[in-house]
N, C-alpha and C. Protein backbone atom coordinates (compact mmCIF):
# COMPACT_ATOMS: atom_id res chain seq x y z
N UNK A 1 53.26 60.29 118.17
CA UNK A 1 52.00 60.85 118.59
C UNK A 1 51.86 60.65 120.10
N UNK A 2 51.59 61.73 120.82
CA UNK A 2 51.45 61.67 122.27
C UNK A 2 50.04 61.33 122.69
N UNK A 3 49.89 61.10 124.00
CA UNK A 3 48.58 60.76 124.55
C UNK A 3 47.56 61.85 124.26
N UNK A 4 48.00 63.10 124.33
CA UNK A 4 47.09 64.21 124.07
C UNK A 4 46.55 64.16 122.65
N UNK A 5 47.39 63.80 121.70
CA UNK A 5 46.94 63.69 120.31
C UNK A 5 45.98 62.52 120.12
N UNK A 6 46.26 61.42 120.81
CA UNK A 6 45.45 60.22 120.67
C UNK A 6 44.02 60.47 121.12
N UNK A 7 43.85 61.15 122.22
CA UNK A 7 42.53 61.43 122.76
C UNK A 7 42.20 62.92 122.65
N UNK A 8 42.31 63.44 121.45
CA UNK A 8 42.04 64.84 121.21
C UNK A 8 40.58 65.16 121.53
N UNK A 9 40.38 65.87 122.62
CA UNK A 9 39.05 66.17 123.13
C UNK A 9 38.17 66.84 122.10
N UNK A 10 38.65 67.91 121.55
CA UNK A 10 37.85 68.70 120.62
C UNK A 10 37.48 67.86 119.40
N UNK A 11 38.44 67.19 118.82
CA UNK A 11 38.17 66.41 117.62
C UNK A 11 37.21 65.26 117.91
N UNK A 12 37.41 64.56 119.01
CA UNK A 12 36.56 63.41 119.32
C UNK A 12 35.14 63.85 119.65
N UNK A 13 34.98 64.87 120.47
CA UNK A 13 33.62 65.33 120.79
C UNK A 13 32.95 65.93 119.56
N UNK A 14 33.70 66.55 118.67
CA UNK A 14 33.13 67.03 117.41
C UNK A 14 32.63 65.86 116.56
N UNK A 15 33.39 64.76 116.53
CA UNK A 15 32.97 63.58 115.77
C UNK A 15 31.73 62.95 116.39
N UNK A 16 31.64 62.93 117.71
CA UNK A 16 30.45 62.40 118.39
C UNK A 16 29.23 63.23 117.98
N UNK A 17 29.35 64.54 118.07
CA UNK A 17 28.24 65.43 117.71
C UNK A 17 27.85 65.26 116.24
N UNK A 18 28.83 65.20 115.36
CA UNK A 18 28.57 65.04 113.92
C UNK A 18 27.91 63.70 113.64
N UNK A 19 28.34 62.64 114.30
CA UNK A 19 27.73 61.33 114.10
C UNK A 19 26.23 61.38 114.36
N UNK A 20 25.83 61.91 115.50
CA UNK A 20 24.42 61.95 115.86
C UNK A 20 23.64 62.89 114.94
N UNK A 21 24.24 63.99 114.53
CA UNK A 21 23.61 64.89 113.58
C UNK A 21 23.35 64.17 112.27
N UNK A 22 24.35 63.44 111.77
CA UNK A 22 24.21 62.67 110.52
C UNK A 22 23.15 61.58 110.63
N UNK A 23 22.99 61.00 111.82
CA UNK A 23 22.00 59.94 112.04
C UNK A 23 20.60 60.51 112.29
N UNK A 24 20.49 61.83 112.41
CA UNK A 24 19.20 62.46 112.67
C UNK A 24 18.71 62.27 114.09
N UNK A 25 19.65 62.07 115.00
CA UNK A 25 19.33 61.86 116.41
C UNK A 25 19.67 63.12 117.19
N UNK A 26 18.69 63.64 117.90
CA UNK A 26 18.91 64.82 118.73
C UNK A 26 19.52 64.40 120.04
N UNK A 27 20.64 65.00 120.37
CA UNK A 27 21.35 64.66 121.59
C UNK A 27 21.42 65.88 122.50
N UNK A 28 21.10 65.66 123.76
CA UNK A 28 21.28 66.71 124.76
C UNK A 28 22.59 66.45 125.47
N UNK A 29 23.33 67.52 125.71
CA UNK A 29 24.60 67.40 126.42
C UNK A 29 24.51 68.28 127.66
N UNK A 30 24.43 67.64 128.83
CA UNK A 30 24.29 68.37 130.09
C UNK A 30 25.27 67.81 131.11
N UNK A 31 26.08 68.68 131.67
CA UNK A 31 27.03 68.31 132.72
C UNK A 31 27.89 67.10 132.36
N UNK A 32 28.38 67.06 131.14
CA UNK A 32 29.28 65.99 130.71
C UNK A 32 28.60 64.71 130.30
N UNK A 33 27.26 64.72 130.23
CA UNK A 33 26.52 63.51 129.86
C UNK A 33 25.72 63.78 128.59
N UNK A 34 25.88 62.88 127.61
CA UNK A 34 25.09 62.92 126.39
C UNK A 34 23.85 62.06 126.61
N UNK A 35 22.67 62.58 126.23
CA UNK A 35 21.42 61.83 126.38
C UNK A 35 20.64 61.95 125.07
N UNK A 36 19.96 60.83 124.71
CA UNK A 36 19.15 60.86 123.51
C UNK A 36 18.08 59.79 123.59
N UNK A 37 17.13 59.84 122.65
CA UNK A 37 16.05 58.86 122.60
C UNK A 37 16.19 58.01 121.36
N UNK A 38 15.96 56.70 121.52
CA UNK A 38 15.91 55.77 120.40
C UNK A 38 14.54 55.11 120.40
N UNK A 39 13.82 55.26 119.32
CA UNK A 39 12.53 54.58 119.20
C UNK A 39 12.76 53.26 118.47
N UNK A 40 12.40 52.17 119.12
CA UNK A 40 12.58 50.84 118.54
C UNK A 40 11.23 50.40 117.98
N UNK A 41 11.08 50.56 116.68
CA UNK A 41 9.78 50.37 116.03
C UNK A 41 9.27 48.94 116.11
N UNK A 42 10.14 47.94 116.02
CA UNK A 42 9.68 46.56 116.09
C UNK A 42 9.06 46.25 117.45
N UNK A 43 9.67 46.76 118.49
CA UNK A 43 9.17 46.53 119.84
C UNK A 43 8.12 47.53 120.27
N UNK A 44 8.07 48.67 119.58
CA UNK A 44 7.09 49.70 119.90
C UNK A 44 7.39 50.44 121.19
N UNK A 45 8.65 50.61 121.52
CA UNK A 45 9.01 51.33 122.73
C UNK A 45 10.26 52.17 122.49
N UNK A 46 10.53 53.08 123.41
CA UNK A 46 11.70 53.94 123.34
C UNK A 46 12.68 53.60 124.44
N UNK A 47 13.94 53.78 124.14
CA UNK A 47 15.00 53.69 125.14
C UNK A 47 15.68 55.05 125.20
N UNK A 48 16.27 55.34 126.35
CA UNK A 48 16.91 56.63 126.54
C UNK A 48 18.36 56.42 126.99
N UNK A 49 19.23 56.08 126.03
CA UNK A 49 20.63 55.88 126.39
C UNK A 49 21.29 57.18 126.83
N UNK A 50 22.29 57.04 127.65
CA UNK A 50 23.11 58.18 128.01
C UNK A 50 24.55 57.69 128.09
N UNK A 51 25.47 58.58 127.78
CA UNK A 51 26.86 58.17 127.80
C UNK A 51 27.76 59.34 128.17
N UNK A 52 28.94 58.95 128.62
CA UNK A 52 29.98 59.91 128.97
C UNK A 52 31.24 59.57 128.20
N UNK A 53 31.95 60.61 127.82
CA UNK A 53 33.25 60.44 127.19
C UNK A 53 34.26 61.15 128.07
N UNK A 54 35.22 60.41 128.60
CA UNK A 54 36.25 60.99 129.47
C UNK A 54 37.38 61.52 128.60
N UNK A 55 37.54 62.81 128.62
CA UNK A 55 38.55 63.46 127.78
C UNK A 55 39.97 63.06 128.13
N UNK A 56 40.21 62.75 129.37
CA UNK A 56 41.57 62.44 129.82
C UNK A 56 42.00 61.03 129.42
N UNK A 57 41.08 60.07 129.55
CA UNK A 57 41.45 58.67 129.32
C UNK A 57 40.96 58.13 127.99
N UNK A 58 39.97 58.80 127.39
CA UNK A 58 39.38 58.30 126.15
C UNK A 58 38.33 57.24 126.40
N UNK A 59 37.91 57.06 127.65
CA UNK A 59 36.93 56.02 127.94
C UNK A 59 35.52 56.51 127.59
N UNK A 60 34.78 55.62 126.97
CA UNK A 60 33.41 55.88 126.57
C UNK A 60 32.54 54.90 127.33
N UNK A 61 31.60 55.42 128.10
CA UNK A 61 30.72 54.59 128.92
C UNK A 61 29.28 54.87 128.51
N UNK A 62 28.59 53.82 128.06
CA UNK A 62 27.20 53.95 127.60
C UNK A 62 26.30 53.13 128.52
N UNK A 63 25.24 53.74 129.00
CA UNK A 63 24.27 53.08 129.86
C UNK A 63 22.87 53.29 129.33
N UNK A 64 22.04 52.27 129.50
CA UNK A 64 20.64 52.35 129.11
C UNK A 64 19.81 51.75 130.24
N UNK A 65 18.97 52.56 130.87
CA UNK A 65 18.05 52.04 131.87
C UNK A 65 16.91 51.36 131.12
N UNK A 66 16.70 50.08 131.42
CA UNK A 66 15.67 49.31 130.72
C UNK A 66 14.35 49.39 131.46
N UNK A 67 14.36 49.06 132.75
CA UNK A 67 13.12 49.14 133.52
C UNK A 67 13.39 49.01 135.01
N UNK A 68 12.44 49.50 135.78
CA UNK A 68 12.42 49.31 137.22
C UNK A 68 11.86 47.92 137.50
N UNK A 69 12.34 47.29 138.54
CA UNK A 69 11.89 45.94 138.87
C UNK A 69 11.26 45.96 140.26
N UNK A 70 10.00 45.54 140.32
CA UNK A 70 9.32 45.47 141.61
C UNK A 70 9.09 44.02 142.03
N UNK A 71 9.22 43.12 141.07
CA UNK A 71 9.07 41.69 141.38
C UNK A 71 10.45 41.03 141.37
N UNK A 72 10.46 39.74 141.57
CA UNK A 72 11.72 38.99 141.57
C UNK A 72 12.36 39.05 140.17
N UNK A 73 13.65 39.24 140.14
CA UNK A 73 14.38 39.35 138.87
C UNK A 73 14.65 37.96 138.30
N UNK A 74 14.40 37.82 137.01
CA UNK A 74 14.70 36.58 136.29
C UNK A 74 16.13 36.68 135.76
N UNK A 75 17.08 36.21 136.54
CA UNK A 75 18.48 36.34 136.16
C UNK A 75 18.83 35.48 134.94
N UNK A 76 18.03 34.47 134.65
CA UNK A 76 18.29 33.67 133.45
C UNK A 76 18.07 34.51 132.19
N UNK A 77 17.13 35.45 132.21
CA UNK A 77 16.93 36.32 131.05
C UNK A 77 18.09 37.29 130.89
N UNK A 78 18.65 37.74 132.02
CA UNK A 78 19.84 38.59 131.94
C UNK A 78 21.01 37.82 131.35
N UNK A 79 21.20 36.59 131.83
CA UNK A 79 22.29 35.76 131.32
C UNK A 79 22.11 35.44 129.85
N UNK A 80 20.89 35.16 129.45
CA UNK A 80 20.59 34.86 128.05
C UNK A 80 20.92 36.07 127.17
N UNK A 81 20.51 37.24 127.63
CA UNK A 81 20.83 38.47 126.88
C UNK A 81 22.34 38.64 126.77
N UNK A 82 23.04 38.46 127.86
CA UNK A 82 24.49 38.67 127.87
C UNK A 82 25.22 37.72 126.92
N UNK A 83 24.68 36.52 126.73
CA UNK A 83 25.28 35.58 125.78
C UNK A 83 25.08 36.03 124.34
N UNK A 84 23.99 36.74 124.07
CA UNK A 84 23.69 37.20 122.70
C UNK A 84 24.36 38.53 122.36
N UNK A 85 24.52 39.38 123.34
CA UNK A 85 24.99 40.74 123.10
C UNK A 85 26.51 40.81 122.99
N UNK A 86 26.96 41.41 121.93
CA UNK A 86 28.40 41.58 121.71
C UNK A 86 28.95 42.78 122.48
N UNK A 87 28.13 43.79 122.68
CA UNK A 87 28.61 45.02 123.29
C UNK A 87 28.09 45.27 124.70
N UNK A 88 26.81 45.07 124.91
CA UNK A 88 26.21 45.43 126.19
C UNK A 88 26.16 44.25 127.15
N UNK A 89 26.22 44.59 128.43
CA UNK A 89 26.02 43.63 129.51
C UNK A 89 24.76 44.07 130.26
N UNK A 90 23.81 43.15 130.41
CA UNK A 90 22.61 43.44 131.18
C UNK A 90 22.94 43.22 132.65
N UNK A 91 22.56 44.19 133.47
CA UNK A 91 22.84 44.13 134.90
C UNK A 91 21.60 44.51 135.70
N UNK A 92 21.58 44.06 136.94
CA UNK A 92 20.53 44.43 137.88
C UNK A 92 21.20 45.08 139.08
N UNK A 93 20.72 46.28 139.43
CA UNK A 93 21.25 46.96 140.61
C UNK A 93 20.23 48.00 141.08
N UNK A 94 20.08 48.08 142.37
CA UNK A 94 19.22 49.10 143.00
C UNK A 94 17.81 49.13 142.42
N UNK A 95 17.23 47.94 142.19
CA UNK A 95 15.85 47.86 141.73
C UNK A 95 15.64 48.17 140.26
N UNK A 96 16.70 48.13 139.46
CA UNK A 96 16.57 48.44 138.04
C UNK A 96 17.44 47.50 137.19
N UNK A 97 16.93 47.23 136.00
CA UNK A 97 17.72 46.50 135.01
C UNK A 97 18.24 47.53 134.02
N UNK A 98 19.52 47.43 133.73
CA UNK A 98 20.12 48.37 132.79
C UNK A 98 21.16 47.66 131.95
N UNK A 99 21.51 48.28 130.84
CA UNK A 99 22.54 47.78 129.95
C UNK A 99 23.75 48.70 130.06
N UNK A 100 24.93 48.10 129.98
CA UNK A 100 26.16 48.88 130.14
C UNK A 100 27.18 48.44 129.11
N UNK A 101 27.91 49.42 128.58
CA UNK A 101 29.01 49.15 127.66
C UNK A 101 30.11 50.15 127.93
N UNK A 102 31.33 49.66 128.07
CA UNK A 102 32.49 50.52 128.31
C UNK A 102 33.59 50.15 127.32
N UNK A 103 34.25 51.17 126.78
CA UNK A 103 35.34 50.94 125.83
C UNK A 103 36.22 52.19 125.78
N UNK A 104 37.33 52.06 125.10
CA UNK A 104 38.17 53.22 124.81
C UNK A 104 37.82 53.72 123.42
N UNK A 105 37.75 55.03 123.28
CA UNK A 105 37.42 55.62 121.98
C UNK A 105 38.44 56.70 121.65
N UNK A 106 38.80 56.75 120.40
CA UNK A 106 39.69 57.80 119.92
C UNK A 106 39.00 58.55 118.79
N UNK A 107 39.61 59.60 118.36
CA UNK A 107 39.10 60.36 117.24
C UNK A 107 38.94 59.45 116.01
N UNK A 108 39.81 58.46 115.89
CA UNK A 108 39.78 57.58 114.72
C UNK A 108 38.68 56.54 114.75
N UNK A 109 38.24 56.11 115.95
CA UNK A 109 37.28 55.00 115.98
C UNK A 109 35.93 55.32 116.63
N UNK A 110 35.72 56.52 117.13
CA UNK A 110 34.50 56.81 117.88
C UNK A 110 33.25 56.68 117.01
N UNK A 111 33.31 57.10 115.77
CA UNK A 111 32.15 56.98 114.88
C UNK A 111 31.79 55.51 114.64
N UNK A 112 32.78 54.68 114.40
CA UNK A 112 32.56 53.25 114.18
C UNK A 112 31.97 52.59 115.42
N UNK A 113 32.49 52.95 116.59
CA UNK A 113 31.98 52.39 117.85
C UNK A 113 30.51 52.74 118.03
N UNK A 114 30.17 54.01 117.87
CA UNK A 114 28.79 54.44 118.06
C UNK A 114 27.85 53.77 117.06
N UNK A 115 28.29 53.63 115.82
CA UNK A 115 27.47 52.97 114.80
C UNK A 115 27.19 51.52 115.17
N UNK A 116 28.22 50.80 115.59
CA UNK A 116 28.05 49.39 115.96
C UNK A 116 27.17 49.23 117.19
N UNK A 117 27.31 50.13 118.14
CA UNK A 117 26.50 50.06 119.35
C UNK A 117 25.03 50.30 119.02
N UNK A 118 24.73 51.30 118.19
CA UNK A 118 23.35 51.55 117.80
C UNK A 118 22.77 50.36 117.03
N UNK A 119 23.53 49.81 116.12
CA UNK A 119 23.07 48.63 115.37
C UNK A 119 22.78 47.48 116.32
N UNK A 120 23.61 47.33 117.33
CA UNK A 120 23.42 46.26 118.32
C UNK A 120 22.11 46.45 119.07
N UNK A 121 21.82 47.67 119.46
CA UNK A 121 20.57 47.95 120.18
C UNK A 121 19.37 47.58 119.32
N UNK A 122 19.39 48.00 118.05
CA UNK A 122 18.26 47.71 117.17
C UNK A 122 18.13 46.22 116.89
N UNK A 123 19.24 45.53 116.75
CA UNK A 123 19.16 44.10 116.46
C UNK A 123 18.72 43.28 117.68
N UNK A 124 18.91 43.81 118.86
CA UNK A 124 18.55 43.09 120.09
C UNK A 124 17.27 43.61 120.75
N UNK A 125 16.49 44.41 120.01
CA UNK A 125 15.34 45.05 120.65
C UNK A 125 14.32 44.06 121.21
N UNK A 126 14.11 42.93 120.57
CA UNK A 126 13.18 41.94 121.14
C UNK A 126 13.74 41.34 122.43
N UNK A 127 15.04 41.11 122.47
CA UNK A 127 15.68 40.58 123.68
C UNK A 127 15.65 41.62 124.80
N UNK A 128 15.85 42.88 124.45
CA UNK A 128 15.79 43.95 125.45
C UNK A 128 14.39 44.03 126.03
N UNK A 129 13.38 43.90 125.18
CA UNK A 129 12.00 43.97 125.63
C UNK A 129 11.67 42.85 126.62
N UNK A 130 12.33 41.71 126.50
CA UNK A 130 12.09 40.57 127.39
C UNK A 130 12.76 40.73 128.75
N UNK A 131 13.68 41.66 128.86
CA UNK A 131 14.35 41.86 130.14
C UNK A 131 13.35 42.44 131.11
């Protein structure tokens, strides 16, 4: 199996689209970026993750802007979150706190990756709210 087969663009992007359709999540795809809304009922707020899938390398990059920061950043809360989170890393840059996750995805594992990432977001919603 060659590299082209491993990262089959059409098959992988079809699986990404089917995954979100099956989950009942509406996804917008604009200029190579997937965007969607997640309502976190326990916390009573929404997050707007966005991600890119690089067809050439198979890299999947997921980002979630958490909030703008106008006061001093509590880096201990970021560190605490990072110790709990298996997938996301909380970061501060350019006046904003955001979550980031990067991995390689193939046609065979993209559905499993997306499922685990969504589960992680829901299980960490109280910690995300504290950021």
